[in-house]
Amino acid sequence: MFNHLLSLLIWLPIVGAIPVLLAGSSRPNAARWISLLVAIATFAVSLYLLPQYNAGDAAKQLVEDHLWIAGLNVHYALAVDGISVALILLTTFVGILVIVGAWEVIQVNPHQYMAAMLVLEGLMIGVFCATDALLFYVFFEAMLIPMFILIGVWGGPRRVYATLKFFIYTFFGSIFMLVGLIYLYLKAGTFDLAQLTALPLSMKEQTWLFFAFLIAFAVKVPMVPVHTWLPDAHVEAPTGGSVVLAAIMLKLGGYGFLRFSLPITPDATESYAPVVITLSLIAVIYIGYIALVQEDMKKLVAYSSVAHMGFVTLGIFIAFMLVRGNNNLDAAKLGVQGAMVQMISHGFVSGAMFSCIGVLYDRLHTRQIKDYGGVINVMPWFGFFYVLFAMANTGMPGTSGFVGEFQVILASFQANPWIALFAAFTLIISAAYTLYLVKRVLWGDITNPHVAEMKDINGREWFVLGAFAAGTLVLGIWPEPLVHLMDSSVSQLVTQLGNHKI
């Protein structure tokens, strides 16, 4: 089993979706329980990665390599480093919570909903494990199918529009990545990522490849100006779809930058890093102001996600300025570490925020902020969790939202104090739109009689919000285990940034 641990992680939820589907609509409880058991088993297997993975070794570990398409020299190649392990653990953790969260909420064909969630989980794990570029692309694209189904079938009134926009944006971006991968294959004769990283490329080649990868991964993050699909997808998606989209799928863009843009096109990335840094700062500041005027809770949190993911791309690309401009490897490492911690933290906080909105929507069937007010008077335990996650969203010390952003700001300051100033400005903006949201939803008198009839969270909701709260607080108070897990991998990546191909 140790030799095929990664394959087990990928295919367990995908194959596990089959008995869930076979349960059919006539046995919804059987489908729910089977899907939960599969999700728990997948999480248990992912935990087994920790004793099997040597965090002190930067090399790829738990390697699996089998010839897949002989004529094209394509391999079914899997391996992980500390970055991959952290993201896999986040994926399997969230996988349990979205199953539990949808337990009573999804009444129409729950077997199909649960099966789609399990397939999506397996495909996302595949992305984090693949070391063959074509295999990565297959997993990367295949994820669109279950998410397309989740939004299109169980989404809101404008779900068809949101689904098509989501699909067109993400598929359009991926086409450019495919063209870039085909070019690299024709030049190297392989899709192996390690060999593509070592492949010598001219500045012109690197530039074209950099922008091909940038378009693909910028859409996924999403970065300004290709972010407009995200608010629509979030608003129309069911709660579980929004949680997975925010907590996991957005991370695939940042992960792609680390696996493709930085190591394969280092010189072009250095040249165009200021462009990405500028777009990241625009996301951090401008999108924050857009969030401030939203009247739909989901849209506000969706724009908040764009702003917080701006810290991820900022931390990743500021490293080039620090390594090649300042020769400051320690600060560059701090920036990349901060980006990674921010990705994990955002998985907890954004997933929790969307779960809280789902709790309210299940009771009142509206996401308009104006329809609420005084909720804490009838739902005190919900109010406790909502305020906690709101504080984490603003980057309050002691929560996970503080750690990654603080690391990125510190790294940015050593590259350019002005960049750090603009980045730190988000702490003010995020506090403004998040606390304004909390004020209007939780505090004050109850003006809507339907709010007065709302019941506090039940045991199922307690479990979901409590699990997110535990992740948010543990990472905020004790981030060292996560930092240690990724330390060697981040150090190796930062060292590679200094390598030139021209």
Protein backbone atom coordinates (compact mmCIF):
# COMPACT_ATOMS: atom_id res chain seq x y z
CA MET A 1 0.00 0.00 0.00
CA PHE A 2 2.90 2.36 0.76
CA ASN A 3 4.02 2.17 -2.88
CA HIS A 4 0.57 3.23 -4.09
CA LEU A 5 -0.52 5.56 -1.31
CA LEU A 6 -1.06 8.50 -3.66
CA SER A 7 -3.07 6.42 -6.14
CA LEU A 8 -5.22 5.23 -3.24
CA LEU A 9 -5.85 8.85 -2.22
CA ILE A 10 -6.89 9.80 -5.75
CA TRP A 11 -9.03 6.81 -6.67
CA LEU A 12 -10.63 5.98 -3.32
CA PRO A 13 -13.14 8.88 -3.51
CA ILE A 14 -13.62 8.49 -7.27
CA VAL A 15 -14.34 4.75 -7.08
CA GLY A 16 -16.25 5.34 -3.84
CA ALA A 17 -18.66 7.53 -5.80
CA ILE A 18 -19.91 4.44 -7.67
CA PRO A 19 -21.78 2.78 -4.75
CA VAL A 20 -23.09 6.22 -3.80
CA LEU A 21 -24.65 6.53 -7.26
CA LEU A 22 -25.92 2.94 -7.12
CA ALA A 23 -27.78 3.77 -3.90
CA GLY A 24 -30.08 5.84 -6.10
CA SER A 25 -32.67 8.45 -5.21
CA SER A 26 -34.81 5.84 -3.46
CA ARG A 27 -32.17 5.34 -0.72
CA PRO A 28 -30.87 8.85 0.04
CA ASN A 29 -29.67 8.00 3.56
CA ALA A 30 -27.61 5.10 2.25
CA ALA A 31 -26.00 7.44 -0.28
CA ARG A 32 -25.22 9.96 2.46
CA TRP A 33 -23.66 7.41 4.80
CA ILE A 34 -21.59 5.74 2.09
CA SER A 35 -20.26 9.10 0.91
CA LEU A 36 -19.40 10.10 4.47
CA LEU A 37 -17.56 6.82 5.08
CA VAL A 38 -15.61 7.26 1.84
CA ALA A 39 -14.71 10.86 2.77
CA ILE A 40 -13.58 9.79 6.25
CA ALA A 41 -11.52 6.93 4.80
CA THR A 42 -9.86 9.32 2.35
CA PHE A 43 -9.01 11.73 5.17
CA ALA A 44 -7.58 8.86 7.23
CA VAL A 45 -5.36 7.80 4.32
CA SER A 46 -4.20 11.40 3.86
CA LEU A 47 -3.22 11.55 7.54
CA TYR A 48 -1.02 8.52 6.89
CA LEU A 49 1.02 10.75 4.56
CA LEU A 50 2.47 12.52 7.59
CA PRO A 51 4.46 9.60 9.05
CA GLN A 52 5.42 8.42 5.56
CA TYR A 53 6.66 11.83 4.38
CA ASN A 54 10.09 13.06 5.49
CA ALA A 55 9.70 16.81 5.94
CA GLY A 56 13.47 17.29 6.13
CA ASP A 57 13.98 16.03 2.58
CA ALA A 58 13.14 18.42 -0.24
CA ALA A 59 13.08 15.65 -2.88
CA LYS A 60 9.81 14.35 -4.28
CA GLN A 61 8.63 11.41 -2.21
CA LEU A 62 6.19 8.49 -2.43
CA VAL A 63 6.97 8.32 -6.13
CA GLU A 64 4.79 6.30 -8.50
CA ASP A 65 5.74 6.10 -12.18
CA HIS A 66 4.03 3.92 -14.79
CA LEU A 67 4.06 4.31 -18.56
CA TRP A 68 0.59 5.49 -19.57
CA ILE A 69 0.62 6.44 -23.28
CA ALA A 70 3.73 4.82 -24.79
CA GLY A 71 3.53 6.56 -28.15
CA LEU A 72 3.72 10.00 -26.54
CA ASN A 73 5.97 9.05 -23.61
CA VAL A 74 3.26 10.07 -21.17
CA HIS A 75 3.55 8.63 -17.69
CA TYR A 76 1.13 8.12 -14.84
CA ALA A 77 3.62 9.81 -12.53
CA LEU A 78 2.80 10.86 -8.98
CA ALA A 79 4.88 12.26 -6.11
CA VAL A 80 4.53 14.79 -3.30
CA ASP A 81 6.55 17.37 -1.46
CA GLY A 82 5.63 19.37 1.65
CA ILE A 83 3.50 21.82 -0.33
CA SER A 84 1.50 19.00 -1.92
CA VAL A 85 0.99 17.20 1.38
CA ALA A 86 -0.40 20.35 3.04
CA LEU A 87 -2.88 20.95 0.22
CA ILE A 88 -3.96 17.29 0.11
CA LEU A 89 -4.68 17.34 3.85
CA LEU A 90 -6.74 20.51 3.40
CA THR A 91 -8.68 18.88 0.54
CA THR A 92 -9.57 15.71 2.46
CA PHE A 93 -10.46 17.73 5.58
CA VAL A 94 -12.85 19.95 3.66
CA GLY A 95 -14.21 16.89 1.84
CA ILE A 96 -15.74 15.56 5.06
CA LEU A 97 -17.24 18.92 6.00
CA VAL A 98 -19.02 19.49 2.68
CA ILE A 99 -20.59 16.02 2.91
CA VAL A 100 -21.80 16.65 6.46
CA GLY A 101 -22.89 20.19 5.59
CA ALA A 102 -25.14 18.96 2.78
CA TRP A 103 -26.66 16.12 4.83
CA GLU A 104 -30.12 17.62 5.29
CA VAL A 105 -29.84 20.51 2.86
CA ILE A 106 -29.67 18.60 -0.44
CA GLN A 107 -33.01 16.85 -0.87
CA VAL A 108 -33.08 16.51 -4.67
CA ASN A 109 -30.98 13.56 -5.86
CA PRO A 110 -28.55 13.63 -2.92
CA HIS A 111 -26.79 10.51 -4.27
CA GLN A 112 -25.72 12.41 -7.38
CA TYR A 113 -24.64 15.44 -5.36
CA MET A 114 -22.52 13.35 -2.98
CA ALA A 115 -20.99 11.37 -5.84
CA ALA A 116 -20.03 14.56 -7.68
CA MET A 117 -18.35 15.86 -4.51
CA LEU A 118 -16.33 12.67 -4.11
CA VAL A 119 -15.20 12.65 -7.75
CA LEU A 120 -14.23 16.32 -7.45
CA GLU A 121 -12.19 15.55 -4.32
CA GLY A 122 -10.26 12.76 -6.05
CA LEU A 123 -9.48 14.90 -9.09
CA MET A 124 -8.23 17.79 -6.95
CA ILE A 125 -5.91 15.42 -5.06
CA GLY A 126 -4.68 14.22 -8.47
CA VAL A 127 -3.64 17.75 -9.39
CA PHE A 128 -1.56 18.06 -6.22
CA CYS A 129 0.18 14.71 -6.88
CA ALA A 130 0.83 14.73 -10.65
CA THR A 131 4.46 15.11 -11.77
CA ASP A 132 3.69 14.51 -15.46
CA ALA A 133 2.48 17.73 -17.08
CA LEU A 134 -0.14 16.03 -19.27
CA LEU A 135 -1.49 14.05 -16.31
CA PHE A 136 -1.65 17.33 -14.38
CA TYR A 137 -3.61 18.87 -17.26
CA VAL A 138 -6.06 15.94 -17.37
CA PHE A 139 -6.83 16.24 -13.66
CA PHE A 140 -6.87 20.06 -13.90
CA GLU A 141 -9.50 20.00 -16.65
CA ALA A 142 -11.52 17.03 -15.43
CA MET A 143 -12.39 18.98 -12.26
CA LEU A 144 -14.56 21.26 -14.34
CA ILE A 145 -17.05 18.45 -14.96
CA PRO A 146 -18.25 17.72 -11.40
CA MET A 147 -18.18 21.43 -10.46
CA PHE A 148 -20.16 22.20 -13.64
CA ILE A 149 -22.73 19.63 -12.52
CA LEU A 150 -22.85 20.87 -8.91
CA ILE A 151 -23.58 24.46 -9.91
CA GLY A 152 -25.76 23.62 -12.92
CA VAL A 153 -28.04 21.15 -11.12
CA TRP A 154 -28.19 22.35 -7.49
CA GLY A 155 -27.45 26.04 -8.03
CA GLY A 156 -29.64 29.13 -7.81
CA PRO A 157 -32.02 30.73 -10.31
CA ARG A 158 -29.21 31.97 -12.61
CA ARG A 159 -27.22 28.75 -12.36
CA VAL A 160 -27.07 28.13 -16.12
CA TYR A 161 -25.52 31.55 -16.75
CA ALA A 162 -23.07 31.15 -13.86
CA THR A 163 -22.11 27.62 -14.92
CA LEU A 164 -21.43 28.57 -18.50
CA LYS A 165 -19.41 31.62 -17.45
CA PHE A 166 -17.38 29.50 -15.03
CA PHE A 167 -16.73 26.84 -17.67
CA ILE A 168 -15.87 29.25 -20.49
CA TYR A 169 -13.45 31.30 -18.39
CA THR A 170 -11.59 28.34 -16.92
CA PHE A 171 -11.55 26.26 -20.09
CA PHE A 172 -10.41 29.25 -22.16
CA GLY A 173 -7.47 29.82 -19.82
CA SER A 174 -6.52 26.16 -19.86
CA ILE A 175 -6.27 26.09 -23.65
CA PHE A 176 -3.25 28.38 -23.46
CA MET A 177 -1.62 26.07 -20.93
CA LEU A 178 -2.20 23.10 -23.24
CA VAL A 179 -0.56 24.92 -26.14
CA GLY A 180 2.43 25.70 -23.91
CA LEU A 181 2.69 22.08 -22.77
CA ILE A 182 2.58 20.82 -26.37
CA TYR A 183 5.43 23.19 -27.28
CA LEU A 184 7.49 21.98 -24.34
CA TYR A 185 6.79 18.35 -25.29
CA LEU A 186 7.91 18.92 -28.89
CA LYS A 187 11.13 20.46 -27.58
CA ALA A 188 11.87 17.99 -24.76
CA GLY A 189 10.13 14.80 -25.93
CA THR A 190 8.57 14.34 -22.49
CA PHE A 191 5.95 15.78 -20.16
CA ASP A 192 8.01 15.04 -17.04
CA LEU A 193 7.99 18.20 -14.92
CA ALA A 194 11.54 17.68 -13.63
CA GLN A 195 12.90 17.47 -17.18
CA LEU A 196 10.82 20.44 -18.31
CA THR A 197 12.26 22.45 -15.41
CA ALA A 198 15.81 21.64 -16.58
CA LEU A 199 15.01 22.36 -20.25
CA PRO A 200 17.02 25.35 -21.62
CA LEU A 201 14.74 28.00 -23.11
CA SER A 202 15.41 31.33 -24.79
CA MET A 203 13.92 34.53 -23.39
CA LYS A 204 11.40 34.65 -26.23
CA GLU A 205 10.29 31.08 -25.57
CA GLN A 206 10.05 31.73 -21.85
CA THR A 207 7.98 34.86 -22.41
CA TRP A 208 5.37 33.09 -24.55
CA LEU A 209 5.23 30.18 -22.12
CA PHE A 210 5.01 32.49 -19.11
CA PHE A 211 1.95 34.26 -20.47
CA ALA A 212 0.36 30.93 -21.49
CA PHE A 213 0.71 29.70 -17.91
CA LEU A 214 -0.25 33.10 -16.48
CA ILE A 215 -3.58 33.17 -18.29
CA ALA A 216 -4.44 29.62 -17.20
CA PHE A 217 -3.55 30.03 -13.55
CA ALA A 218 -4.67 33.66 -13.22
CA VAL A 219 -8.21 32.60 -14.13
CA LYS A 220 -8.10 29.88 -11.49
CA VAL A 221 -6.76 32.08 -8.63
CA PRO A 222 -8.59 34.30 -9.84
CA MET A 223 -6.59 37.45 -10.52
CA VAL A 224 -7.80 40.82 -11.73
CA PRO A 225 -9.09 41.27 -14.46
CA VAL A 226 -10.14 37.63 -15.09
CA HIS A 227 -11.95 37.29 -11.78
CA THR A 228 -15.51 38.17 -12.78
CA TRP A 229 -16.66 34.55 -13.09
CA LEU A 230 -16.09 33.90 -9.39
CA PRO A 231 -18.82 36.07 -7.77
CA ASP A 232 -21.46 34.68 -10.15
CA ALA A 233 -20.32 31.10 -9.57
CA HIS A 234 -20.38 31.58 -5.79
CA VAL A 235 -23.78 33.25 -5.69
CA GLU A 236 -25.44 30.51 -7.74
CA ALA A 237 -23.53 27.50 -6.36
CA PRO A 238 -24.97 25.42 -3.51
CA THR A 239 -23.22 25.97 -0.18
CA GLY A 240 -20.99 22.90 -0.56
CA GLY A 241 -19.97 24.01 -4.05
CA SER A 242 -19.02 27.46 -2.76
CA VAL A 243 -17.01 25.93 0.09
CA VAL A 244 -14.99 23.65 -2.23
CA LEU A 245 -14.58 26.38 -4.82
CA ALA A 246 -13.19 28.86 -2.30
CA ALA A 247 -11.33 26.48 0.00
CA ILE A 248 -9.62 24.25 -2.58
CA MET A 249 -10.15 25.08 -6.25
CA LEU A 250 -8.81 28.63 -6.05
CA LYS A 251 -5.58 27.20 -4.63
CA LEU A 252 -4.92 25.33 -7.87
CA GLY A 253 -3.92 28.59 -9.54
CA GLY A 254 -1.31 29.39 -6.91
CA TYR A 255 -0.09 25.80 -6.98
CA GLY A 256 0.24 25.98 -10.76
CA PHE A 257 2.46 29.05 -10.52
CA LEU A 258 4.77 27.17 -8.14
CA ARG A 259 4.95 24.09 -10.38
CA PHE A 260 5.10 25.68 -13.84
CA SER A 261 5.75 29.43 -14.09
CA LEU A 262 8.51 29.79 -11.52
CA PRO A 263 10.70 26.76 -12.32
CA ILE A 264 10.13 26.43 -16.10
CA THR A 265 10.22 30.12 -17.10
CA PRO A 266 12.39 31.76 -14.38
CA ASP A 267 13.85 34.58 -16.48
CA ALA A 268 10.54 35.64 -18.02
CA THR A 269 8.91 35.39 -14.59
CA GLU A 270 11.55 37.74 -13.20
CA SER A 271 10.92 40.23 -16.01
CA TYR A 272 7.15 40.21 -15.65
CA ALA A 273 6.88 39.72 -11.90
CA PRO A 274 6.17 43.48 -11.45
CA VAL A 275 3.07 43.04 -13.64
CA VAL A 276 1.75 40.23 -11.44
CA ILE A 277 2.65 42.15 -8.26
CA THR A 278 0.73 45.17 -9.56
CA LEU A 279 -2.32 43.04 -10.38
CA SER A 280 -2.06 41.46 -6.92
CA LEU A 281 -2.08 44.87 -5.23
CA ILE A 282 -5.06 45.92 -7.35
CA ALA A 283 -6.86 42.80 -6.14
CA VAL A 284 -5.92 43.52 -2.53
CA ILE A 285 -7.15 47.14 -2.59
CA TYR A 286 -9.62 47.72 -5.44
CA ILE A 287 -11.53 44.46 -4.98
CA GLY A 288 -11.78 45.24 -1.28
CA TYR A 289 -13.69 48.41 -2.11
CA ILE A 290 -15.99 46.44 -4.43
CA ALA A 291 -16.71 44.03 -1.57
CA LEU A 292 -17.62 46.98 0.64
CA VAL A 293 -20.69 47.88 -1.45
CA GLN A 294 -22.13 44.40 -1.96
CA GLU A 295 -25.63 43.65 -0.68
CA ASP A 296 -25.46 39.90 -1.25
CA MET A 297 -23.49 38.10 1.48
CA LYS A 298 -22.09 35.49 -0.88
CA LYS A 299 -20.93 38.10 -3.36
CA LEU A 300 -19.20 40.04 -0.59
CA VAL A 301 -17.29 36.98 0.61
CA ALA A 302 -16.51 36.00 -3.01
CA TYR A 303 -14.87 39.39 -3.65
CA SER A 304 -13.13 39.02 -0.31
CA SER A 305 -11.62 35.76 -1.60
CA VAL A 306 -10.22 37.55 -4.65
CA ALA A 307 -8.60 40.13 -2.37
CA HIS A 308 -7.11 37.54 0.00
CA MET A 309 -5.81 35.40 -2.85
CA GLY A 310 -4.00 38.51 -4.05
CA PHE A 311 -1.71 37.96 -1.06
CA VAL A 312 -0.88 34.51 -2.42
CA THR A 313 0.29 35.75 -5.81
CA LEU A 314 2.05 38.69 -4.16
CA GLY A 315 4.01 36.38 -1.85
CA ILE A 316 4.96 34.07 -4.71
CA PHE A 317 6.15 36.71 -7.17
CA ILE A 318 7.75 39.08 -4.66
CA ALA A 319 10.26 36.27 -4.13
CA PHE A 320 11.85 37.02 -7.51
CA MET A 321 12.54 40.62 -6.53
CA LEU A 322 14.09 39.43 -3.30
CA VAL A 323 16.24 36.65 -4.78
CA ARG A 324 17.49 38.29 -7.96
CA GLY A 325 17.26 41.95 -7.02
CA ASN A 326 18.25 41.90 -3.36
CA ASN A 327 19.90 38.47 -3.08
CA ASN A 328 17.80 37.99 0.05
CA LEU A 329 16.88 34.30 0.10
CA ASP A 330 15.55 34.40 3.65
CA ALA A 331 13.02 37.11 2.83
CA ALA A 332 12.04 35.32 -0.39
CA LYS A 333 11.47 32.13 1.58
CA LEU A 334 9.34 34.10 4.04
CA GLY A 335 7.22 35.42 1.17
CA VAL A 336 6.60 32.00 -0.39
CA GLN A 337 5.91 30.48 3.03
CA GLY A 338 3.45 33.27 3.71
CA ALA A 339 1.72 32.60 0.39
CA MET A 340 1.38 28.93 1.26
CA VAL A 341 0.13 29.59 4.79
CA GLN A 342 -2.34 32.07 3.34
CA MET A 343 -3.63 29.41 0.94
CA ILE A 344 -4.27 26.96 3.78
CA SER A 345 -5.73 29.67 6.02
CA HIS A 346 -8.02 30.91 3.28
CA GLY A 347 -9.26 27.35 2.90
CA PHE A 348 -10.42 27.37 6.52
CA VAL A 349 -11.72 30.93 6.71
CA SER A 350 -13.48 31.21 3.34
CA GLY A 351 -14.96 27.72 3.73
CA ALA A 352 -16.26 28.74 7.14
CA MET A 353 -17.69 32.05 5.90
CA PHE A 354 -19.61 30.36 3.11
CA SER A 355 -20.81 27.69 5.53
CA CYS A 356 -22.15 30.42 7.83
CA ILE A 357 -23.98 32.02 4.92
CA GLY A 358 -25.41 28.60 4.09
CA VAL A 359 -26.71 28.27 7.67
CA LEU A 360 -28.58 31.56 7.33
CA TYR A 361 -29.85 30.76 3.84
CA ASP A 362 -31.23 27.40 4.96
CA ARG A 363 -33.42 29.21 7.48
CA LEU A 364 -34.52 32.35 5.64
CA HIS A 365 -33.83 31.48 1.97
CA THR A 366 -32.26 34.83 1.23
CA ARG A 367 -28.68 36.08 1.07
CA GLN A 368 -29.55 39.78 1.02
CA ILE A 369 -27.93 41.54 3.97
CA LYS A 370 -30.91 43.88 4.37
CA ASP A 371 -33.18 40.94 5.20
CA TYR A 372 -31.28 40.22 8.40
CA GLY A 373 -30.36 42.13 11.54
CA GLY A 374 -30.33 41.13 15.19
CA VAL A 375 -29.56 37.49 14.37
CA ILE A 376 -27.38 37.10 17.45
CA ASN A 377 -30.46 37.63 19.65
CA VAL A 378 -31.94 34.32 18.47
CA MET A 379 -28.77 32.47 17.36
CA PRO A 380 -26.05 33.22 19.95
CA TRP A 381 -23.86 30.20 19.15
CA PHE A 382 -24.03 30.98 15.46
CA GLY A 383 -23.08 34.56 16.31
CA PHE A 384 -20.01 33.30 18.18
CA PHE A 385 -18.72 31.36 15.18
CA TYR A 386 -19.64 34.12 12.72
CA VAL A 387 -17.70 36.74 14.67
CA LEU A 388 -14.71 34.40 15.02
CA PHE A 389 -14.50 33.79 11.28
CA ALA A 390 -15.08 37.47 10.57
CA MET A 391 -12.13 38.33 12.80
CA ALA A 392 -9.99 35.76 10.98
CA ASN A 393 -11.09 37.29 7.67
CA THR A 394 -9.76 40.66 8.84
CA GLY A 395 -6.40 39.14 9.76
CA MET A 396 -6.72 39.38 13.54
CA PRO A 397 -3.67 38.02 15.45
CA GLY A 398 -4.34 34.63 16.98
CA THR A 399 -6.25 33.47 13.91
CA SER A 400 -4.90 31.84 10.77
CA GLY A 401 -5.79 34.93 8.74
CA PHE A 402 -2.99 36.87 10.41
CA VAL A 403 -0.04 34.51 9.91
CA GLY A 404 0.24 34.30 6.13
CA GLU A 405 -0.60 37.95 5.47
CA PHE A 406 1.94 39.10 8.06
CA GLN A 407 4.67 36.96 6.48
CA VAL A 408 3.92 38.32 3.01
CA ILE A 409 3.90 41.92 4.29
CA LEU A 410 7.26 41.40 6.04
CA ALA A 411 8.78 39.92 2.88
CA SER A 412 7.31 42.72 0.75
CA PHE A 413 8.79 45.36 3.05
CA GLN A 414 12.28 44.00 2.40
CA ALA A 415 11.68 44.16 -1.34
CA ASN A 416 10.02 47.58 -1.44
CA PRO A 417 8.37 49.43 1.49
CA TRP A 418 5.74 50.92 -0.84
CA ILE A 419 4.57 47.46 -1.87
CA ALA A 420 4.30 46.50 1.79
CA LEU A 421 2.33 49.68 2.52
CA PHE A 422 -0.23 48.98 -0.19
CA ALA A 423 -0.44 45.31 0.84
CA ALA A 424 -0.97 46.23 4.50
CA PHE A 425 -3.76 48.60 3.47
CA THR A 426 -5.95 45.53 2.95
CA LEU A 427 -6.10 45.07 6.73
CA ILE A 428 -8.10 48.29 6.91
CA ILE A 429 -10.33 47.50 3.93
CA SER A 430 -11.03 43.92 4.96
CA ALA A 431 -11.91 45.08 8.45
CA ALA A 432 -14.28 47.64 6.93
CA TYR A 433 -16.32 45.30 4.72
CA THR A 434 -16.23 42.32 7.09
CA LEU A 435 -17.23 44.21 10.23
CA TYR A 436 -19.84 46.17 8.30
CA LEU A 437 -21.31 42.82 7.23
CA VAL A 438 -21.30 41.52 10.81
CA LYS A 439 -22.90 44.72 12.10
CA ARG A 440 -25.80 44.52 9.67
CA VAL A 441 -26.43 40.77 10.03
CA LEU A 442 -25.82 40.07 13.71
CA TRP A 443 -26.29 43.22 15.75
CA GLY A 444 -29.16 45.59 16.34
CA ASP A 445 -32.84 45.00 16.82
CA ILE A 446 -34.78 42.33 14.99
CA THR A 447 -36.78 44.08 12.28
CA ASN A 448 -37.75 41.02 10.23
CA PRO A 449 -40.32 38.79 11.98
CA HIS A 450 -38.90 35.77 10.14
CA VAL A 451 -35.52 36.37 11.82
CA ALA A 452 -37.24 36.15 15.21
CA GLU A 453 -38.36 32.62 14.31
CA MET A 454 -34.88 31.36 13.40
CA LYS A 455 -33.39 28.52 15.46
CA ASP A 456 -29.76 28.33 16.58
CA ILE A 457 -27.34 25.90 14.93
CA ASN A 458 -27.97 22.18 15.28
CA GLY A 459 -25.46 19.38 15.95
CA ARG A 460 -24.53 18.94 12.30
CA GLU A 461 -23.85 22.65 11.84
CA TRP A 462 -21.95 22.69 15.14
CA PHE A 463 -19.63 20.00 13.80
CA VAL A 464 -18.92 21.80 10.52
CA LEU A 465 -18.37 25.26 12.02
CA GLY A 466 -16.48 23.80 15.00
CA ALA A 467 -14.07 21.95 12.69
CA PHE A 468 -13.41 25.10 10.67
CA ALA A 469 -12.94 27.06 13.92
CA ALA A 470 -10.42 24.49 15.17
CA GLY A 471 -8.38 24.78 11.98
CA THR A 472 -8.51 28.57 12.07
CA LEU A 473 -7.37 28.82 15.68
CA VAL A 474 -4.75 26.05 15.65
CA LEU A 475 -3.06 27.48 12.56
CA GLY A 476 -3.28 30.99 14.00
CA ILE A 477 -1.81 30.06 17.39
CA TRP A 478 0.60 27.29 16.35
CA PRO A 479 1.61 27.56 12.65
CA GLU A 480 5.00 25.88 13.21
CA PRO A 481 3.94 22.32 12.18
CA LEU A 482 2.62 23.58 8.84
CA VAL A 483 5.68 25.77 8.25
CA HIS A 484 7.98 22.84 9.13
CA LEU A 485 6.09 20.52 6.78
CA MET A 486 6.68 22.86 3.84
CA ASP A 487 10.06 24.31 4.87
CA SER A 488 12.41 22.10 2.82
CA SER A 489 10.22 22.28 -0.28
CA VAL A 490 9.94 26.06 -0.06
CA SER A 491 13.70 26.40 0.49
CA GLN A 492 14.44 24.32 -2.60
CA LEU A 493 11.96 26.32 -4.66
CA VAL A 494 13.48 29.64 -3.57
CA THR A 495 16.96 28.36 -4.39
CA GLN A 496 15.75 27.46 -7.91
CA LEU A 497 14.57 31.04 -8.42
CA GLY A 498 18.19 32.12 -8.69
CA ASN A 499 18.87 29.78 -11.62
CA HIS A 500 19.02 31.37 -15.07
CA LYS A 501 18.22 29.63 -18.34
CA ILE A 502 19.75 32.28 -20.60
